[in-house]
Amino acid sequence: EGFRLFFQLALGGACIGVAFALGLLVILFNLNRRLSGEDSVVQVVATITTAYLVFFTSEIVAGCSGIIAVVFCGVTVKAFGETLYNDSHLSHHFWEILEWLLNTLLFTLGGCEWGNIIWVFDGLDWAYLFILFGLLIVMRFFLVFAFYPITSHIGIGSSWREAVFMSYGGLRGAVGIALALSLYAETTHYTSVVEVGQETREQFRDHTGKLFG
């Protein structure tokens, strides 16, 4: 069951991402008229629409990994469709602004959750928090350095200093906050009060929110 779920999430999401990327490449090719300003705008709209559609289709409809689907979609479009953009600067500037707005919104949500969490923590909760944080740091160091012989020789490579930075710094930022918020939403949706009590779920939310926020 575990292997079936793994292949469903990983390979299924990758196939869905590539399929959507091929469709986006067709759209970009048909809109490849550099003297048309309207087509440039439509190309940008097509990219963000495809990103949300591929995530929804993979995560909600197909039961696969939406993150992997979006990654494979982006990699495929980058590899084969970069020259099809009429105005690449317009696309880059749009995604930079969108990234800034979404990061701002995400950190605001994380701050609101932090305000609710900080008032209910006691000494035992803080102890569990630091233990969990330490274990996650150890696991990240193990994973990063286990693959260091490979990552140091592919692409532009990486040094041991960069590996240390990735190991320690990987638990911070927008991805960590999004993970904490998503974990609480998932446990609330897929568990009932009979299976997991409200107090337990609140503690889970509080720990994950403090750990990644």
Protein backbone atom coordinates (compact mmCIF):
# COMPACT_ATOMS: atom_id res chain seq x y z
CA GLU A 1 0.00 0.00 0.00
CA GLY A 2 2.86 2.35 0.82
CA PHE A 3 4.62 1.75 -2.50
CA ARG A 4 1.35 2.15 -4.40
CA LEU A 5 0.70 5.47 -2.70
CA PHE A 6 4.25 6.63 -3.37
CA PHE A 7 4.07 5.88 -7.09
CA GLN A 8 0.62 7.41 -7.30
CA LEU A 9 1.75 10.64 -5.70
CA ALA A 10 5.13 10.93 -7.40
CA LEU A 11 4.71 9.45 -10.87
CA GLY A 12 1.06 10.44 -11.19
CA GLY A 13 1.82 14.04 -10.31
CA ALA A 14 4.77 14.10 -12.72
CA CYS A 15 2.68 12.77 -15.62
CA ILE A 16 -0.10 15.28 -14.96
CA GLY A 17 2.44 18.11 -14.80
CA VAL A 18 4.03 17.14 -18.11
CA ALA A 19 0.60 16.81 -19.76
CA PHE A 20 -0.42 20.31 -18.69
CA ALA A 21 2.98 21.65 -19.73
CA LEU A 22 2.50 20.29 -23.26
CA GLY A 23 -0.87 22.01 -23.44
CA LEU A 24 0.66 25.28 -22.25
CA LEU A 25 3.43 24.97 -24.83
CA VAL A 26 0.81 24.70 -27.56
CA ILE A 27 -0.91 27.84 -26.27
CA LEU A 28 2.38 29.75 -26.09
CA PHE A 29 3.28 28.66 -29.60
CA ASN A 30 -0.04 29.86 -31.03
CA LEU A 31 0.38 33.21 -29.26
CA ASN A 32 3.97 33.67 -30.39
CA ARG A 33 3.44 37.00 -32.17
CA ARG A 34 5.96 39.46 -30.82
CA LEU A 35 4.27 42.57 -32.24
CA SER A 36 1.03 41.87 -30.42
CA GLY A 37 0.87 43.29 -26.89
CA GLU A 38 -2.40 41.50 -26.19
CA ASP A 39 -0.84 38.12 -26.91
CA SER A 40 1.95 38.85 -24.44
CA VAL A 41 -0.59 39.51 -21.71
CA VAL A 42 -2.54 36.35 -22.60
CA GLN A 43 0.67 34.33 -22.37
CA VAL A 44 1.23 35.55 -18.82
CA VAL A 45 -2.39 34.78 -17.90
CA ALA A 46 -2.01 31.31 -19.42
CA THR A 47 1.02 30.54 -17.24
CA ILE A 48 -0.64 31.39 -13.92
CA THR A 49 -3.90 29.72 -14.96
CA THR A 50 -2.05 26.53 -15.88
CA ALA A 51 -0.13 26.56 -12.58
CA TYR A 52 -3.33 26.63 -10.52
CA LEU A 53 -5.17 24.18 -12.80
CA VAL A 54 -2.41 21.58 -12.71
CA PHE A 55 -2.23 21.77 -8.91
CA PHE A 56 -6.00 21.45 -8.52
CA THR A 57 -6.24 18.60 -11.01
CA SER A 58 -3.40 16.61 -9.49
CA GLU A 59 -4.10 17.27 -5.79
CA ILE A 60 -7.90 17.31 -5.68
CA VAL A 61 -9.18 15.48 -8.75
CA ALA A 62 -6.54 12.78 -9.28
CA GLY A 63 -5.35 12.32 -5.69
CA CYS A 64 -1.69 12.80 -6.67
CA SER A 65 0.94 15.29 -5.56
CA GLY A 66 0.04 18.80 -6.65
CA ILE A 67 3.49 20.13 -5.77
CA ILE A 68 5.28 17.59 -7.95
CA ALA A 69 2.82 18.28 -10.79
CA VAL A 70 3.54 22.01 -10.66
CA VAL A 71 7.30 21.42 -10.51
CA PHE A 72 7.31 19.13 -13.55
CA CYS A 73 5.03 21.51 -15.41
CA GLY A 74 7.37 24.43 -14.73
CA VAL A 75 10.52 22.49 -15.60
CA THR A 76 9.04 21.30 -18.90
CA VAL A 77 7.87 24.78 -19.92
CA LYS A 78 11.25 26.23 -18.95
CA ALA A 79 13.10 23.65 -21.02
CA PHE A 80 11.01 23.82 -24.19
CA GLY A 81 8.99 27.04 -24.11
CA GLU A 82 11.32 29.79 -22.94
CA THR A 83 11.84 31.05 -26.48
CA LEU A 84 8.10 31.16 -27.16
CA TYR A 85 7.45 34.15 -24.89
CA ASN A 86 6.83 37.38 -26.73
CA ASP A 87 7.97 39.48 -23.78
CA SER A 88 9.98 37.48 -21.26
CA HIS A 89 10.57 40.55 -19.09
CA LEU A 90 6.82 41.00 -18.65
CA SER A 91 6.47 37.42 -17.48
CA HIS A 92 9.40 37.67 -15.07
CA HIS A 93 8.19 40.94 -13.56
CA PHE A 94 4.66 39.57 -13.16
CA TRP A 95 5.83 36.47 -11.31
CA GLU A 96 8.16 38.51 -9.09
CA ILE A 97 5.29 40.80 -8.05
CA LEU A 98 2.96 37.83 -7.53
CA GLU A 99 5.58 36.03 -5.43
CA TRP A 100 6.00 39.12 -3.24
CA LEU A 101 2.24 39.53 -2.74
CA LEU A 102 1.67 35.85 -1.91
CA ASN A 103 4.63 35.77 0.48
CA THR A 104 3.25 38.83 2.24
CA LEU A 105 -0.17 37.21 2.57
CA LEU A 106 1.35 33.96 3.82
CA PHE A 107 3.48 35.65 6.47
CA THR A 108 0.44 37.67 7.58
CA LEU A 109 -1.56 34.46 8.05
CA GLY A 110 1.34 32.89 9.89
CA GLY A 111 1.56 35.91 12.18
CA CYS A 112 -2.13 35.70 12.99
CA GLU A 113 -1.73 32.03 13.93
CA TRP A 114 1.35 32.86 16.00
CA GLY A 115 -0.64 35.41 17.97
CA ASN A 116 -3.18 32.75 18.91
CA ILE A 117 -0.55 30.15 19.75
CA ILE A 118 1.87 32.09 21.93
CA TRP A 119 -0.67 32.70 24.70
CA VAL A 120 -1.50 29.04 25.34
CA PHE A 121 1.99 27.48 25.46
CA ASP A 122 3.29 26.20 28.79
CA GLY A 123 6.68 24.87 29.83
CA LEU A 124 6.03 21.32 28.62
CA ASP A 125 4.94 22.57 25.21
CA TRP A 126 8.15 24.53 24.87
CA ALA A 127 10.16 21.43 25.81
CA TYR A 128 8.39 19.33 23.16
CA LEU A 129 8.91 22.11 20.65
CA PHE A 130 12.68 22.28 21.11
CA ILE A 131 12.99 18.49 21.06
CA LEU A 132 11.04 18.31 17.80
CA PHE A 133 13.07 21.15 16.33
CA GLY A 134 16.33 19.41 17.22
CA LEU A 135 15.21 16.12 15.70
CA LEU A 136 14.19 17.82 12.47
CA ILE A 137 17.54 19.59 12.24
CA VAL A 138 19.35 16.26 12.70
CA MET A 139 17.22 14.62 10.01
CA ARG A 140 17.86 17.47 7.58
CA PHE A 141 21.61 17.29 8.15
CA PHE A 142 21.51 13.54 7.56
CA LEU A 143 19.52 13.84 4.31
CA VAL A 144 21.55 16.72 2.88
CA PHE A 145 24.93 15.15 3.60
CA ALA A 146 23.78 11.68 2.54
CA PHE A 147 23.25 13.08 -0.98
CA TYR A 148 26.17 15.51 -0.82
CA PRO A 149 28.46 13.34 -3.01
CA ILE A 150 25.83 13.65 -5.74
CA THR A 151 24.74 17.27 -5.28
CA SER A 152 28.34 18.48 -5.16
CA HIS A 153 28.99 17.20 -8.69
CA ILE A 154 25.77 18.03 -10.55
CA GLY A 155 24.78 21.39 -11.96
CA ILE A 156 26.91 24.18 -10.53
CA GLY A 157 27.82 21.97 -7.58
CA SER A 158 27.82 22.90 -3.90
CA SER A 159 30.35 23.16 -1.10
CA TRP A 160 30.12 21.72 2.41
CA ARG A 161 29.42 25.23 3.71
CA GLU A 162 26.40 25.49 1.44
CA ALA A 163 25.27 22.06 2.59
CA VAL A 164 25.43 23.20 6.23
CA PHE A 165 23.46 26.32 5.33
CA MET A 166 20.79 24.28 3.53
CA SER A 167 20.56 21.85 6.44
CA TYR A 168 19.97 24.53 9.04
CA GLY A 169 18.15 27.14 6.98
CA GLY A 170 15.69 24.81 5.28
CA LEU A 171 13.16 25.00 8.14
CA ARG A 172 12.57 28.72 7.62
CA GLY A 173 10.72 30.83 5.13
CA ALA A 174 7.46 30.70 3.26
CA VAL A 175 7.56 26.96 2.60
CA GLY A 176 7.80 26.13 6.30
CA ILE A 177 4.93 28.43 7.21
CA ALA A 178 2.76 27.06 4.41
CA LEU A 179 3.56 23.52 5.59
CA ALA A 180 2.53 24.32 9.16
CA LEU A 181 -0.78 25.86 8.08
CA SER A 182 -1.44 23.03 5.62
CA LEU A 183 -0.73 20.31 8.20
CA TYR A 184 -3.27 21.74 10.61
CA ALA A 185 -5.87 22.04 7.85
CA GLU A 186 -5.23 18.44 6.76
CA THR A 187 -5.57 17.02 10.28
CA THR A 188 -8.75 19.01 10.85
CA HIS A 189 -10.24 17.75 7.60
CA TYR A 190 -9.27 14.08 7.78
CA THR A 191 -9.71 13.39 11.49
CA SER A 192 -12.77 13.52 13.71
CA VAL A 193 -13.15 14.38 17.37
CA VAL A 194 -13.61 10.67 18.13
CA GLU A 195 -10.31 9.68 16.51
CA VAL A 196 -8.25 12.68 17.63
CA GLY A 197 -9.52 14.96 20.35
CA GLN A 198 -9.83 18.70 19.89
CA GLU A 199 -7.13 19.34 22.49
CA THR A 200 -4.68 17.08 20.65
CA ARG A 201 -5.39 18.75 17.34
CA GLU A 202 -4.93 22.19 18.89
CA GLN A 203 -1.57 21.12 20.34
CA PHE A 204 -0.53 19.75 16.94
CA ARG A 205 -1.39 23.06 15.30
CA ASP A 206 0.40 25.03 17.98
CA HIS A 207 3.61 22.97 17.74
CA THR A 208 3.76 23.04 13.95
CA GLY A 209 2.95 26.73 13.87
CA LYS A 210 5.74 27.59 16.30
CA LEU A 211 8.21 25.19 14.75
CA PHE A 212 7.93 26.49 11.17
CA GLY A 213 6.72 30.01 11.86
